[in-house]
Amino acid sequence: ALLGGFATLMISSMAGYGFEVFSSKARERVYNG
């Protein structure tokens, strides 16, 4: 729970931050997928 929790936090928060902050043509397609 702890190792998986902290690793999931870092990976998923970086992904969420990237999807919102960085723009690209394929961003919304990848996000919707």
Full PDB file with SEQRES, HELIX, SHEET, SSBOND, CRYST1, ORIGX, SCALE, CONECT and MASTER records, all heavy atoms in Angstrom:
SEQRES   1 A   33  ALA LEU LEU GLY GLY PHE ALA THR LEU MET ILE SER SER          
SEQRES   2 A   33  MET ALA GLY TYR GLY PHE GLU VAL PHE SER SER LYS ALA          
SEQRES   3 A   33  ARG GLU ARG VAL TYR ASN GLY                                  
HELIX    1 AA1 LEU A    2  VAL A   21  1                                  20    
HELIX    2 AA2 ARG A   27  ASN A   32  1                                   6    
CRYST1    1.000    1.000    1.000  90.00  90.00  90.00 P 1           1          
ORIGX1      1.000000  0.000000  0.000000        0.00000                         
ORIGX2      0.000000  1.000000  0.000000        0.00000                         
ORIGX3      0.000000  0.000000  1.000000        0.00000                         
SCALE1      1.000000  0.000000  0.000000        0.00000                         
SCALE2      0.000000  1.000000  0.000000        0.00000                         
SCALE3      0.000000  0.000000  1.000000        0.00000                         
ATOM      1  N   ALA A   1       0.820  -1.214   0.000  1.00  0.00           N  
ATOM      2  CA  ALA A   1       0.000   0.000   0.000  1.00  0.00           C  
ATOM      3  C   ALA A   1       0.855   1.265   0.000  1.00  0.00           C  
ATOM      4  O   ALA A   1       0.549   2.224  -0.723  1.00  0.00           O  
ATOM      5  CB  ALA A   1      -0.931  -0.009   1.218  1.00  0.00           C  
ATOM      6  N   LEU A   2       1.933   1.279   0.774  1.00  0.00           N  
ATOM      7  CA  LEU A   2       2.753   2.492   0.883  1.00  0.00           C  
ATOM      8  C   LEU A   2       3.663   2.682  -0.325  1.00  0.00           C  
ATOM      9  O   LEU A   2       3.692   3.766  -0.917  1.00  0.00           O  
ATOM     10  CB  LEU A   2       3.578   2.449   2.170  1.00  0.00           C  
ATOM     11  CG  LEU A   2       2.772   2.567   3.470  1.00  0.00           C  
ATOM     12  CD1 LEU A   2       3.670   2.373   4.681  1.00  0.00           C  
ATOM     13  CD2 LEU A   2       2.068   3.920   3.549  1.00  0.00           C  
ATOM     14  N   LEU A   3       4.399   1.626  -0.694  1.00  0.00           N  
ATOM     15  CA  LEU A   3       5.279   1.756  -1.866  1.00  0.00           C  
ATOM     16  C   LEU A   3       4.463   2.025  -3.126  1.00  0.00           C  
ATOM     17  O   LEU A   3       4.784   2.925  -3.913  1.00  0.00           O  
ATOM     18  CB  LEU A   3       6.113   0.487  -2.032  1.00  0.00           C  
ATOM     19  CG  LEU A   3       7.254   0.270  -1.041  1.00  0.00           C  
ATOM     20  CD1 LEU A   3       8.001  -1.018  -1.364  1.00  0.00           C  
ATOM     21  CD2 LEU A   3       8.220   1.450  -1.039  1.00  0.00           C  
ATOM     22  N   GLY A   4       3.408   1.237  -3.307  1.00  0.00           N  
ATOM     23  CA  GLY A   4       2.551   1.453  -4.465  1.00  0.00           C  
ATOM     24  C   GLY A   4       1.871   2.808  -4.426  1.00  0.00           C  
ATOM     25  O   GLY A   4       1.717   3.471  -5.459  1.00  0.00           O  
ATOM     26  N   GLY A   5       1.480   3.244  -3.221  1.00  0.00           N  
ATOM     27  CA  GLY A   5       0.801   4.531  -3.082  1.00  0.00           C  
ATOM     28  C   GLY A   5       1.687   5.696  -3.474  1.00  0.00           C  
ATOM     29  O   GLY A   5       1.285   6.568  -4.261  1.00  0.00           O  
ATOM     30  N   PHE A   6       2.909   5.734  -2.948  1.00  0.00           N  
ATOM     31  CA  PHE A   6       3.809   6.844  -3.258  1.00  0.00           C  
ATOM     32  C   PHE A   6       4.235   6.821  -4.731  1.00  0.00           C  
ATOM     33  O   PHE A   6       4.324   7.880  -5.369  1.00  0.00           O  
ATOM     34  CB  PHE A   6       5.037   6.798  -2.353  1.00  0.00           C  
ATOM     35  CG  PHE A   6       4.759   7.248  -0.944  1.00  0.00           C  
ATOM     36  CD1 PHE A   6       4.911   6.385   0.123  1.00  0.00           C  
ATOM     37  CD2 PHE A   6       4.342   8.545  -0.685  1.00  0.00           C  
ATOM     38  CE1 PHE A   6       4.641   6.794   1.419  1.00  0.00           C  
ATOM     39  CE2 PHE A   6       4.074   8.973   0.607  1.00  0.00           C  
ATOM     40  CZ  PHE A   6       4.220   8.095   1.663  1.00  0.00           C  
ATOM     41  N   ALA A   7       4.482   5.626  -5.269  1.00  0.00           N  
ATOM     42  CA  ALA A   7       4.868   5.534  -6.679  1.00  0.00           C  
ATOM     43  C   ALA A   7       3.718   5.968  -7.593  1.00  0.00           C  
ATOM     44  O   ALA A   7       3.927   6.696  -8.576  1.00  0.00           O  
ATOM     45  CB  ALA A   7       5.295   4.108  -7.015  1.00  0.00           C  
ATOM     46  N   THR A   8       2.510   5.546  -7.257  1.00  0.00           N  
ATOM     47  CA  THR A   8       1.339   5.942  -8.044  1.00  0.00           C  
ATOM     48  C   THR A   8       1.108   7.442  -7.975  1.00  0.00           C  
ATOM     49  O   THR A   8       0.761   8.082  -8.976  1.00  0.00           O  
ATOM     50  CB  THR A   8       0.081   5.193  -7.564  1.00  0.00           C  
ATOM     51  OG1 THR A   8       0.304   3.791  -7.627  1.00  0.00           O  
ATOM     52  CG2 THR A   8      -1.133   5.545  -8.410  1.00  0.00           C  
ATOM     53  N   LEU A   9       1.302   8.015  -6.782  1.00  0.00           N  
ATOM     54  CA  LEU A   9       1.155   9.466  -6.624  1.00  0.00           C  
ATOM     55  C   LEU A   9       2.088  10.216  -7.560  1.00  0.00           C  
ATOM     56  O   LEU A   9       1.685  11.155  -8.260  1.00  0.00           O  
ATOM     57  CB  LEU A   9       1.448   9.866  -5.174  1.00  0.00           C  
ATOM     58  CG  LEU A   9       0.285   9.920  -4.186  1.00  0.00           C  
ATOM     59  CD1 LEU A   9       0.777  10.441  -2.846  1.00  0.00           C  
ATOM     60  CD2 LEU A   9      -0.848  10.786  -4.704  1.00  0.00           C  
ATOM     61  N   MET A  10       3.367   9.827  -7.564  1.00  0.00           N  
ATOM     62  CA  MET A  10       4.349  10.535  -8.374  1.00  0.00           C  
ATOM     63  C   MET A  10       4.056  10.377  -9.861  1.00  0.00           C  
ATOM     64  O   MET A  10       4.034  11.365 -10.611  1.00  0.00           O  
ATOM     65  CB  MET A  10       5.753  10.018  -8.053  1.00  0.00           C  
ATOM     66  CG  MET A  10       6.252  10.414  -6.683  1.00  0.00           C  
ATOM     67  SD  MET A  10       6.214  12.211  -6.401  1.00  0.00           S  
ATOM     68  CE  MET A  10       7.290  12.799  -7.699  1.00  0.00           C  
ATOM     69  N   ILE A  11       3.817   9.144 -10.297  1.00  0.00           N  
ATOM     70  CA  ILE A  11       3.604   8.894 -11.735  1.00  0.00           C  
ATOM     71  C   ILE A  11       2.320   9.563 -12.216  1.00  0.00           C  
ATOM     72  O   ILE A  11       2.300  10.259 -13.241  1.00  0.00           O  
ATOM     73  CB  ILE A  11       3.575   7.385 -12.003  1.00  0.00           C  
ATOM     74  CG1 ILE A  11       4.957   6.779 -11.743  1.00  0.00           C  
ATOM     75  CG2 ILE A  11       3.127   7.097 -13.443  1.00  0.00           C  
ATOM     76  CD1 ILE A  11       4.988   5.272 -11.787  1.00  0.00           C  
ATOM     77  N   SER A  12       1.238   9.371 -11.475  1.00  0.00           N  
ATOM     78  CA  SER A  12      -0.064   9.894 -11.911  1.00  0.00           C  
ATOM     79  C   SER A  12      -0.124  11.413 -11.804  1.00  0.00           C  
ATOM     80  O   SER A  12      -0.744  12.072 -12.644  1.00  0.00           O  
ATOM     81  CB  SER A  12      -1.185   9.255 -11.084  1.00  0.00           C  
ATOM     82  OG  SER A  12      -1.207   7.860 -11.262  1.00  0.00           O  
ATOM     83  N   SER A  13       0.519  11.990 -10.784  1.00  0.00           N  
ATOM     84  CA  SER A  13       0.504  13.456 -10.651  1.00  0.00           C  
ATOM     85  C   SER A  13       1.329  14.102 -11.761  1.00  0.00           C  
ATOM     86  O   SER A  13       0.943  15.143 -12.309  1.00  0.00           O  
ATOM     87  CB  SER A  13       1.028  13.874  -9.279  1.00  0.00           C  
ATOM     88  OG  SER A  13       2.381  13.495  -9.093  1.00  0.00           O  
ATOM     89  N   MET A  14       2.456  13.488 -12.120  1.00  0.00           N  
ATOM     90  CA  MET A  14       3.246  14.025 -13.237  1.00  0.00           C  
ATOM     91  C   MET A  14       2.460  13.944 -14.545  1.00  0.00           C  
ATOM     92  O   MET A  14       2.495  14.878 -15.356  1.00  0.00           O  
ATOM     93  CB  MET A  14       4.570  13.272 -13.347  1.00  0.00           C  
ATOM     94  CG  MET A  14       5.588  13.643 -12.286  1.00  0.00           C  
ATOM     95  SD  MET A  14       7.244  12.972 -12.586  1.00  0.00           S  
ATOM     96  CE  MET A  14       6.950  11.230 -12.266  1.00  0.00           C  
ATOM     97  N   ALA A  15       1.746  12.831 -14.720  1.00  0.00           N  
ATOM     98  CA  ALA A  15       0.941  12.683 -15.936  1.00  0.00           C  
ATOM     99  C   ALA A  15      -0.190  13.709 -15.965  1.00  0.00           C  
ATOM    100  O   ALA A  15      -0.426  14.356 -16.995  1.00  0.00           O  
ATOM    101  CB  ALA A  15       0.374  11.270 -16.020  1.00  0.00           C  
ATOM    102  N   GLY A  16      -0.904  13.879 -14.845  1.00  0.00           N  
ATOM    103  CA  GLY A  16      -1.980  14.858 -14.790  1.00  0.00           C  
ATOM    104  C   GLY A  16      -1.477  16.271 -15.006  1.00  0.00           C  
ATOM    105  O   GLY A  16      -2.111  17.072 -15.713  1.00  0.00           O  
ATOM    106  N   TYR A  17      -0.343  16.587 -14.414  1.00  0.00           N  
ATOM    107  CA  TYR A  17       0.273  17.911 -14.594  1.00  0.00           C  
ATOM    108  C   TYR A  17       0.653  18.121 -16.057  1.00  0.00           C  
ATOM    109  O   TYR A  17       0.376  19.169 -16.644  1.00  0.00           O  
ATOM    110  CB  TYR A  17       1.507  18.003 -13.699  1.00  0.00           C  
ATOM    111  CG  TYR A  17       2.294  19.289 -13.833  1.00  0.00           C  
ATOM    112  CD1 TYR A  17       1.926  20.439 -13.136  1.00  0.00           C  
ATOM    113  CD2 TYR A  17       3.424  19.352 -14.652  1.00  0.00           C  
ATOM    114  CE1 TYR A  17       2.657  21.611 -13.249  1.00  0.00           C  
ATOM    115  CE2 TYR A  17       4.159  20.513 -14.774  1.00  0.00           C  
ATOM    116  CZ  TYR A  17       3.773  21.642 -14.069  1.00  0.00           C  
ATOM    117  OH  TYR A  17       4.508  22.805 -14.177  1.00  0.00           O  
ATOM    118  N   GLY A  18       1.268  17.112 -16.660  1.00  0.00           N  
ATOM    119  CA  GLY A  18       1.683  17.234 -18.054  1.00  0.00           C  
ATOM    120  C   GLY A  18       0.512  17.388 -19.006  1.00  0.00           C  
ATOM    121  O   GLY A  18       0.566  18.196 -19.941  1.00  0.00           O  
ATOM    122  N   PHE A  19      -0.549  16.626 -18.787  1.00  0.00           N  
ATOM    123  CA  PHE A  19      -1.729  16.715 -19.660  1.00  0.00           C  
ATOM    124  C   PHE A  19      -2.355  18.111 -19.618  1.00  0.00           C  
ATOM    125  O   PHE A  19      -2.905  18.570 -20.621  1.00  0.00           O  
ATOM    126  CB  PHE A  19      -2.769  15.678 -19.250  1.00  0.00           C  
ATOM    127  CG  PHE A  19      -2.569  14.337 -19.881  1.00  0.00           C  
ATOM    128  CD1 PHE A  19      -2.414  13.198 -19.107  1.00  0.00           C  
ATOM    129  CD2 PHE A  19      -2.536  14.196 -21.264  1.00  0.00           C  
ATOM    130  CE1 PHE A  19      -2.224  11.952 -19.687  1.00  0.00           C  
ATOM    131  CE2 PHE A  19      -2.353  12.949 -21.850  1.00  0.00           C  
ATOM    132  CZ  PHE A  19      -2.187  11.826 -21.056  1.00  0.00           C  
ATOM    133  N   GLU A  20      -2.274  18.784 -18.478  1.00  0.00           N  
ATOM    134  CA  GLU A  20      -2.896  20.096 -18.341  1.00  0.00           C  
ATOM    135  C   GLU A  20      -1.980  21.223 -18.784  1.00  0.00           C  
ATOM    136  O   GLU A  20      -2.427  22.207 -19.384  1.00  0.00           O  
ATOM    137  CB  GLU A  20      -3.331  20.318 -16.889  1.00  0.00           C  
ATOM    138  CG  GLU A  20      -4.044  21.631 -16.633  1.00  0.00           C  
ATOM    139  CD  GLU A  20      -5.312  21.798 -17.455  1.00  0.00           C  
ATOM    140  OE1 GLU A  20      -5.939  20.777 -17.806  1.00  0.00           O  
ATOM    141  OE2 GLU A  20      -5.678  22.951 -17.754  1.00  0.00           O  
ATOM    142  N   VAL A  21      -0.690  21.100 -18.513  1.00  0.00           N  
ATOM    143  CA  VAL A  21       0.241  22.209 -18.740  1.00  0.00           C  
ATOM    144  C   VAL A  21       0.777  22.244 -20.166  1.00  0.00           C  
ATOM    145  O   VAL A  21       0.900  23.307 -20.772  1.00  0.00           O  
ATOM    146  CB  VAL A  21       1.412  22.139 -17.723  1.00  0.00           C  
ATOM    147  CG1 VAL A  21       2.494  23.156 -18.066  1.00  0.00           C  
ATOM    148  CG2 VAL A  21       0.883  22.379 -16.317  1.00  0.00           C  
ATOM    149  N   PHE A  22       1.095  21.079 -20.720  1.00  0.00           N  
ATOM    150  CA  PHE A  22       1.722  21.027 -22.044  1.00  0.00           C  
ATOM    151  C   PHE A  22       0.677  20.762 -23.120  1.00  0.00           C  
ATOM    152  O   PHE A  22      -0.148  19.856 -22.986  1.00  0.00           O  
ATOM    153  CB  PHE A  22       2.804  19.951 -22.081  1.00  0.00           C  
ATOM    154  CG  PHE A  22       3.873  20.151 -21.049  1.00  0.00           C  
ATOM    155  CD1 PHE A  22       3.988  19.281 -19.982  1.00  0.00           C  
ATOM    156  CD2 PHE A  22       4.743  21.226 -21.135  1.00  0.00           C  
ATOM    157  CE1 PHE A  22       4.963  19.467 -19.026  1.00  0.00           C  
ATOM    158  CE2 PHE A  22       5.721  21.425 -20.182  1.00  0.00           C  
ATOM    159  CZ  PHE A  22       5.840  20.544 -19.120  1.00  0.00           C  
ATOM    160  N   SER A  23       0.743  21.533 -24.181  1.00  0.00           N  
ATOM    161  CA  SER A  23      -0.221  21.406 -25.278  1.00  0.00           C  
ATOM    162  C   SER A  23       0.421  20.703 -26.474  1.00  0.00           C  
ATOM    163  O   SER A  23       1.607  20.895 -26.756  1.00  0.00           O  
ATOM    164  CB  SER A  23      -0.712  22.790 -25.723  1.00  0.00           C  
ATOM    165  OG  SER A  23      -1.376  23.438 -24.655  1.00  0.00           O  
ATOM    166  N   SER A  24      -0.372  19.901 -27.147  1.00  0.00           N  
ATOM    167  CA  SER A  24       0.057  19.268 -28.386  1.00  0.00           C  
ATOM    168  C   SER A  24      -1.189  18.825 -29.146  1.00  0.00           C  
ATOM    169  O   SER A  24      -2.291  18.766 -28.580  1.00  0.00           O  
ATOM    170  CB  SER A  24       0.968  18.064 -28.104  1.00  0.00           C  
ATOM    171  OG  SER A  24       0.236  17.009 -27.522  1.00  0.00           O  
ATOM    172  N   LYS A  25      -1.004  18.487 -30.406  1.00  0.00           N  
ATOM    173  CA  LYS A  25      -2.144  18.077 -31.225  1.00  0.00           C  
ATOM    174  C   LYS A  25      -2.749  16.755 -30.742  1.00  0.00           C  
ATOM    175  O   LYS A  25      -3.956  16.540 -30.836  1.00  0.00           O  
ATOM    176  CB  LYS A  25      -1.711  17.950 -32.686  1.00  0.00           C  
ATOM    177  CG  LYS A  25      -1.318  19.268 -33.331  1.00  0.00           C  
ATOM    178  CD  LYS A  25      -0.913  19.073 -34.781  1.00  0.00           C  
ATOM    179  CE  LYS A  25      -0.542  20.402 -35.429  1.00  0.00           C  
ATOM    180  NZ  LYS A  25      -0.114  20.229 -36.845  1.00  0.00           N  
ATOM    181  N   ALA A  26      -1.894  15.881 -30.238  1.00  0.00           N  
ATOM    182  CA  ALA A  26      -2.358  14.542 -29.853  1.00  0.00           C  
ATOM    183  C   ALA A  26      -2.741  14.448 -28.379  1.00  0.00           C  
ATOM    184  O   ALA A  26      -3.162  13.388 -27.924  1.00  0.00           O  
ATOM    185  CB  ALA A  26      -1.278  13.510 -30.155  1.00  0.00           C  
ATOM    186  N   ARG A  27      -2.615  15.560 -27.647  1.00  0.00           N  
ATOM    187  CA  ARG A  27      -2.826  15.495 -26.201  1.00  0.00           C  
ATOM    188  C   ARG A  27      -4.214  14.979 -25.840  1.00  0.00           C  
ATOM    189  O   ARG A  27      -4.344  14.033 -25.048  1.00  0.00           O  
ATOM    190  CB  ARG A  27      -2.613  16.882 -25.567  1.00  0.00           C  
ATOM    191  CG  ARG A  27      -2.796  16.884 -24.055  1.00  0.00           C  
ATOM    192  CD  ARG A  27      -2.648  18.277 -23.473  1.00  0.00           C  
ATOM    193  NE  ARG A  27      -3.752  19.137 -23.849  1.00  0.00           N  
ATOM    194  CZ  ARG A  27      -3.940  20.365 -23.355  1.00  0.00           C  
ATOM    195  NH1 ARG A  27      -3.070  20.869 -22.493  1.00  0.00           N  
ATOM    196  NH2 ARG A  27      -4.970  21.098 -23.733  1.00  0.00           N  
ATOM    197  N   GLU A  28      -5.242  15.565 -26.393  1.00  0.00           N  
ATOM    198  CA  GLU A  28      -6.599  15.190 -26.022  1.00  0.00           C  
ATOM    199  C   GLU A  28      -6.939  13.776 -26.489  1.00  0.00           C  
ATOM    200  O   GLU A  28      -7.694  13.066 -25.827  1.00  0.00           O  
ATOM    201  CB  GLU A  28      -7.606  16.192 -26.582  1.00  0.00           C  
ATOM    202  CG  GLU A  28      -7.481  17.586 -25.988  1.00  0.00           C  
ATOM    203  CD  GLU A  28      -7.594  17.575 -24.469  1.00  0.00           C  
ATOM    204  OE1 GLU A  28      -8.438  16.822 -23.927  1.00  0.00           O  
ATOM    205  OE2 GLU A  28      -6.824  18.305 -23.811  1.00  0.00           O  
ATOM    206  N   ARG A  29      -6.371  13.358 -27.616  1.00  0.00           N  
ATOM    207  CA  ARG A  29      -6.624  11.996 -28.090  1.00  0.00           C  
ATOM    208  C   ARG A  29      -6.030  10.975 -27.120  1.00  0.00           C  
ATOM    209  O   ARG A  29      -6.666   9.973 -26.776  1.00  0.00           O  
ATOM    210  CB  ARG A  29      -6.021  11.808 -29.481  1.00  0.00           C  
ATOM    211  CG  ARG A  29      -6.680  12.653 -30.564  1.00  0.00           C  
ATOM    212  CD  ARG A  29      -5.971  12.465 -31.891  1.00  0.00           C  
ATOM    213  NE  ARG A  29      -6.518  13.354 -32.917  1.00  0.00           N  
ATOM    214  CZ  ARG A  29      -5.998  13.494 -34.129  1.00  0.00           C  
ATOM    215  NH1 ARG A  29      -4.931  12.776 -34.473  1.00  0.00           N  
ATOM    216  NH2 ARG A  29      -6.548  14.321 -35.000  1.00  0.00           N  
ATOM    217  N   VAL A  30      -4.799  11.248 -26.702  1.00  0.00           N  
ATOM    218  CA  VAL A  30      -4.146  10.340 -25.756  1.00  0.00           C  
ATOM    219  C   VAL A  30      -4.898  10.341 -24.427  1.00  0.00           C  
ATOM    220  O   VAL A  30      -5.132   9.280 -23.829  1.00  0.00           O  
ATOM    221  CB  VAL A  30      -2.675  10.747 -25.546  1.00  0.00           C  
ATOM    222  CG1 VAL A  30      -2.033   9.901 -24.452  1.00  0.00           C  
ATOM    223  CG2 VAL A  30      -1.893  10.613 -26.845  1.00  0.00           C  
ATOM    224  N   TYR A  31      -5.300  11.517 -23.994  1.00  0.00           N  
ATOM    225  CA  TYR A  31      -6.007  11.630 -22.713  1.00  0.00           C  
ATOM    226  C   TYR A  31      -7.356  10.914 -22.775  1.00  0.00           C  
ATOM    227  O   TYR A  31      -7.725  10.196 -21.840  1.00  0.00           O  
ATOM    228  CB  TYR A  31      -6.193  13.107 -22.367  1.00  0.00           C  
ATOM    229  CG  TYR A  31      -6.863  13.348 -21.042  1.00  0.00           C  
ATOM    230  CD1 TYR A  31      -6.223  13.026 -19.840  1.00  0.00           C  
ATOM    231  CD2 TYR A  31      -8.136  13.914 -20.976  1.00  0.00           C  
ATOM    232  CE1 TYR A  31      -6.828  13.255 -18.619  1.00  0.00           C  
ATOM    233  CE2 TYR A  31      -8.752  14.140 -19.766  1.00  0.00           C  
ATOM    234  CZ  TYR A  31      -8.092  13.816 -18.597  1.00  0.00           C  
ATOM    235  OH  TYR A  31      -8.714  14.043 -17.386  1.00  0.00           O  
ATOM    236  N   ASN A  32      -8.087  11.109 -23.855  1.00  0.00           N  
ATOM    237  CA  ASN A  32      -9.376  10.427 -23.998  1.00  0.00           C  
ATOM    238  C   ASN A  32      -9.201   8.910 -24.076  1.00  0.00           C  
ATOM    239  O   ASN A  32     -10.009   8.144 -23.543  1.00  0.00           O  
ATOM    240  CB  ASN A  32     -10.102  10.930 -25.250  1.00  0.00           C  
ATOM    241  CG  ASN A  32     -10.572  12.369 -25.103  1.00  0.00           C  
ATOM    242  OD1 ASN A  32     -10.798  12.839 -23.987  1.00  0.00           O  
ATOM    243  ND2 ASN A  32     -10.693  13.076 -26.219  1.00  0.00           N  
ATOM    244  N   GLY A  33      -8.138   8.480 -24.750  1.00  0.00           N  
ATOM    245  CA  GLY A  33      -7.854   7.043 -24.785  1.00  0.00           C  
ATOM    246  C   GLY A  33      -7.551   6.504 -23.396  1.00  0.00           C  
ATOM    247  O   GLY A  33      -7.961   5.386 -23.054  1.00  0.00           O  
TER     248      GLY A  33                                                      
MASTER        0    0    0    2    0    0    0    6  247    1    0    3          
END                                                                             
